[in-house]
C-alpha atoms as a PDB file:
ATOM      1  CA  MET A   1      -0.406   6.042  -2.945  1.00  0.00           C
ATOM      2  CA  LYS A   2       1.829   9.605  -2.627  1.00  0.00           C
ATOM      3  CA  PHE A   3      -1.401  11.851  -2.742  1.00  0.00           C
ATOM      4  CA  THR A   4      -2.434   9.517  -0.164  1.00  0.00           C
ATOM      5  CA  THR A   5       0.036  10.647   2.235  1.00  0.00           C
ATOM      6  CA  LEU A   6      -0.277  14.647   1.456  1.00  0.00           C
ATOM      7  CA  ILE A   7      -3.574  14.290   2.457  1.00  0.00           C
ATOM      8  CA  PRO A   8      -2.836  14.601   6.300  1.00  0.00           C
ATOM      9  CA  VAL A   9      -0.083  17.053   5.838  1.00  0.00           C
ATOM     10  CA  ARG A  10      -2.797  19.067   4.734  1.00  0.00           C
ATOM     11  CA  PHE A  11      -5.472  19.190   7.752  1.00  0.00           C
ATOM     12  CA  ASN A  12      -2.090  19.648   9.653  1.00  0.00           C
ATOM     13  CA  ASP A  13      -3.711  23.228  10.968  1.00  0.00           C
ATOM     14  CA  GLY A  14      -1.029  24.006  14.508  1.00  0.00           C
ATOM     15  CA  ARG A  15      -4.436  21.845  16.721  1.00  0.00           C
ATOM     16  CA  LYS A  16      -2.540  19.964  19.300  1.00  0.00           C
ATOM     17  CA  VAL A  17      -4.352  16.763  19.065  1.00  0.00           C
ATOM     18  CA  PRO A  18      -1.908  14.755  17.142  1.00  0.00           C
ATOM     19  CA  LEU A  19      -2.580  13.476  13.616  1.00  0.00           C
ATOM     20  CA  HIS A  20      -2.971  10.042  14.224  1.00  0.00           C
ATOM     21  CA  GLN A  21      -5.463  11.130  16.796  1.00  0.00           C
ATOM     22  CA  ARG A  22      -7.621  12.624  14.861  1.00  0.00           C
ATOM     23  CA  ILE A  23      -7.511  10.938  10.746  1.00  0.00           C
ATOM     24  CA  TYR A  24      -9.885   7.845  10.339  1.00  0.00           C
ATOM     25  CA  MET A  25      -9.836   5.521   7.089  1.00  0.00           C
ATOM     26  CA  VAL A  26     -13.018   4.352   5.348  1.00  0.00           C
ATOM     27  CA  GLY A  27     -12.655   2.707   2.189  1.00  0.00           C
ATOM     28  CA  LEU A  28     -15.308   1.384  -0.417  1.00  0.00           C
ATOM     29  CA  SER A  29     -13.926  -1.757  -2.666  1.00  0.00           C
ATOM     30  CA  ASN A  30     -10.853  -0.734  -4.852  1.00  0.00           C
ATOM     31  CA  GLY A  31     -11.019   1.858  -2.402  1.00  0.00           C
ATOM     32  CA  GLY A  32     -11.157  -0.442   0.673  1.00  0.00           C
ATOM     33  CA  MET A  33      -7.768  -2.261  -1.069  1.00  0.00           C
ATOM     34  CA  LEU A  34      -6.056   1.138  -0.963  1.00  0.00           C
ATOM     35  CA  ALA A  35      -7.232   1.763   2.779  1.00  0.00           C
ATOM     36  CA  TYR A  36      -6.037  -1.817   4.210  1.00  0.00           C
ATOM     37  CA  ARG A  37      -2.672  -1.063   1.633  1.00  0.00           C
ATOM     38  CA  TYR A  38      -2.750   2.533   3.400  1.00  0.00           C
ATOM     39  CA  ALA A  39      -3.857   1.220   7.133  1.00  0.00           C
ATOM     40  CA  ALA A  40      -0.768  -1.662   6.970  1.00  0.00           C
ATOM     41  CA  GLU A  41       2.340   0.997   5.397  1.00  0.00           C
ATOM     42  CA  ARG A  42       1.413   3.719   7.267  1.00  0.00           C
ATOM     43  CA  THR A  43      -0.444   2.502  10.688  1.00  0.00           C
ATOM     44  CA  VAL A  44       0.973   5.534  12.989  1.00  0.00           C
ATOM     45  CA  ARG A  45      -1.001   8.342  10.695  1.00  0.00           C
ATOM     46  CA  LEU A  46      -3.825   6.416  11.648  1.00  0.00           C
ATOM     47  CA  ALA A  47      -6.803   6.697  14.665  1.00  0.00           C
ATOM     48  CA  ALA A  48      -8.475   3.953  13.041  1.00  0.00           C
ATOM     49  CA  CYS A  49      -9.821   2.148   9.250  1.00  0.00           C
ATOM     50  CA  ALA A  50     -12.979   1.067   8.042  1.00  0.00           C
ATOM     51  CA  VAL A  51     -13.213  -1.224   4.998  1.00  0.00           C
ATOM     52  CA  VAL A  52     -16.564  -1.908   2.869  1.00  0.00           C
ATOM     53  CA  ALA A  53     -16.079  -5.107   0.379  1.00  0.00           C
ATOM     54  CA  GLY A  54     -12.665  -4.773  -0.123  1.00  0.00           C
ATOM     55  CA  ALA A  55     -10.055  -7.839  -0.615  1.00  0.00           C
ATOM     56  CA  ILE A  56      -6.423  -8.612  -0.009  1.00  0.00           C
ATOM     57  CA  ASP A  57      -4.202 -10.828   0.396  1.00  0.00           C
ATOM     58  CA  SER A  58      -5.489 -12.380  -2.857  1.00  0.00           C
ATOM     59  CA  ARG A  59      -4.688 -12.964  -6.555  1.00  0.00           C
ATOM     60  CA  ILE A  60      -7.374 -13.133  -9.704  1.00  0.00           C
ATOM     61  CA  ASP A  61      -4.830 -16.145 -11.194  1.00  0.00           C
ATOM     62  CA  SER A  62      -3.229 -19.393  -9.267  1.00  0.00           C
ATOM     63  CA  ALA A  63      -0.406 -18.355 -11.374  1.00  0.00           C
ATOM     64  CA  ASP A  64       0.146 -15.075  -9.650  1.00  0.00           C
ATOM     65  CA  PRO A  65       2.088 -14.648  -6.266  1.00  0.00           C
ATOM     66  CA  VAL A  66      -0.394 -14.090  -3.304  1.00  0.00           C
ATOM     67  CA  TRP A  67       0.213 -10.514  -2.719  1.00  0.00           C
ATOM     68  CA  THR A  68      -0.235  -9.675   0.799  1.00  0.00           C
ATOM     69  CA  LEU A  69      -0.587  -6.574   3.785  1.00  0.00           C
ATOM     70  CA  PRO A  70       3.246  -5.805   5.844  1.00  0.00           C
ATOM     71  CA  VAL A  71       3.304  -6.346   9.237  1.00  0.00           C
ATOM     72  CA  PRO A  72       2.072  -3.412  11.037  1.00  0.00           C
ATOM     73  CA  ASP A  73       3.814  -1.001  13.361  1.00  0.00           C
ATOM     74  CA  ARG A  74       1.020  -0.717  15.867  1.00  0.00           C
ATOM     75  CA  PRO A  75      -2.868  -2.777  16.317  1.00  0.00           C
ATOM     76  CA  LEU A  76      -5.397  -0.076  14.672  1.00  0.00           C
ATOM     77  CA  PRO A  77      -8.899  -0.275  15.497  1.00  0.00           C
ATOM     78  CA  MET A  78     -10.254  -1.756  12.276  1.00  0.00           C
ATOM     79  CA  LEU A  79     -14.461  -1.941  11.252  1.00  0.00           C
ATOM     80  CA  ILE A  80     -14.295  -4.783   8.322  1.00  0.00           C
ATOM     81  CA  LEU A  81     -17.700  -4.679   6.769  1.00  0.00           C
ATOM     82  CA  HIS A  82     -17.836  -7.379   3.481  1.00  0.00           C
ATOM     83  CA  GLY A  83     -20.671  -9.742   2.537  1.00  0.00           C
ATOM     84  CA  ASP A  84     -19.850 -14.042   0.845  1.00  0.00           C
ATOM     85  CA  ALA A  85     -22.398 -13.133  -1.932  1.00  0.00           C
ATOM     86  CA  ASP A  86     -20.570 -10.850  -3.467  1.00  0.00           C
ATOM     87  CA  PRO A  87     -20.504 -11.131  -6.917  1.00  0.00           C
ATOM     88  CA  THR A  88     -17.583  -8.173  -7.769  1.00  0.00           C
ATOM     89  CA  VAL A  89     -15.193  -7.897  -5.210  1.00  0.00           C
ATOM     90  CA  PRO A  90     -15.438 -11.842  -4.099  1.00  0.00           C
ATOM     91  CA  TYR A  91     -15.112 -12.651  -0.130  1.00  0.00           C
ATOM     92  CA  ASP A  92     -12.881 -15.028  -0.421  1.00  0.00           C
ATOM     93  CA  GLY A  93     -10.722 -12.537  -3.459  1.00  0.00           C
ATOM     94  CA  GLY A  94     -10.033 -13.758  -7.130  1.00  0.00           C
ATOM     95  CA  ALA A  95     -11.387 -12.494 -10.316  1.00  0.00           C
ATOM     96  CA  PRO A  96     -15.107 -11.060 -10.186  1.00  0.00           C
ATOM     97  CA  THR A  97     -17.849 -14.352 -11.207  1.00  0.00           C
ATOM     98  CA  ASP A  98     -18.991 -12.278 -14.171  1.00  0.00           C
ATOM     99  CA  ARG A  99     -18.398  -8.266 -13.961  1.00  0.00           C
ATOM    100  CA  TRP A 100     -20.146  -7.524 -17.018  1.00  0.00           C
ATOM    101  CA  GLU A 101     -23.314  -9.428 -16.306  1.00  0.00           C
ATOM    102  CA  PHE A 102     -23.247  -7.425 -12.888  1.00  0.00           C
ATOM    103  CA  LEU A 103     -22.945  -3.987 -14.524  1.00  0.00           C
ATOM    104  CA  ARG A 104     -25.697  -4.898 -17.099  1.00  0.00           C
ATOM    105  CA  ARG A 105     -28.710  -6.251 -14.577  1.00  0.00           C
ATOM    106  CA  HIS A 106     -27.827  -2.641 -12.158  1.00  0.00           C
ATOM    107  CA  GLN A 107     -27.366   0.008 -14.991  1.00  0.00           C
ATOM    108  CA  THR A 108     -29.489   2.740 -14.934  1.00  0.00           C
ATOM    109  CA  ASP A 109     -30.706   5.125 -17.676  1.00  0.00           C
END
């Protein structure tokens, strides 16, 4: 997560608009999981966040503890998109139904 913390600092070029009013984070799949975490842990750095097909607060095996996000410092506008028929990142969390079969069906030459 350290590299994601450095990105907004790199773009702070002396403008008068505070960073948290102009930084928007978007993540897809695993990037969506990262976006959820970043938004929860560093809410004050963002204007808003969007997640596509990312799951959080779940576990792969029932023996594993459920990993949950920390409570954000403030409310943050979010756009969350996720289909309930997604075989790669299941809507309810957990392991993919059959990742290798999905990749074989969608392989290109």
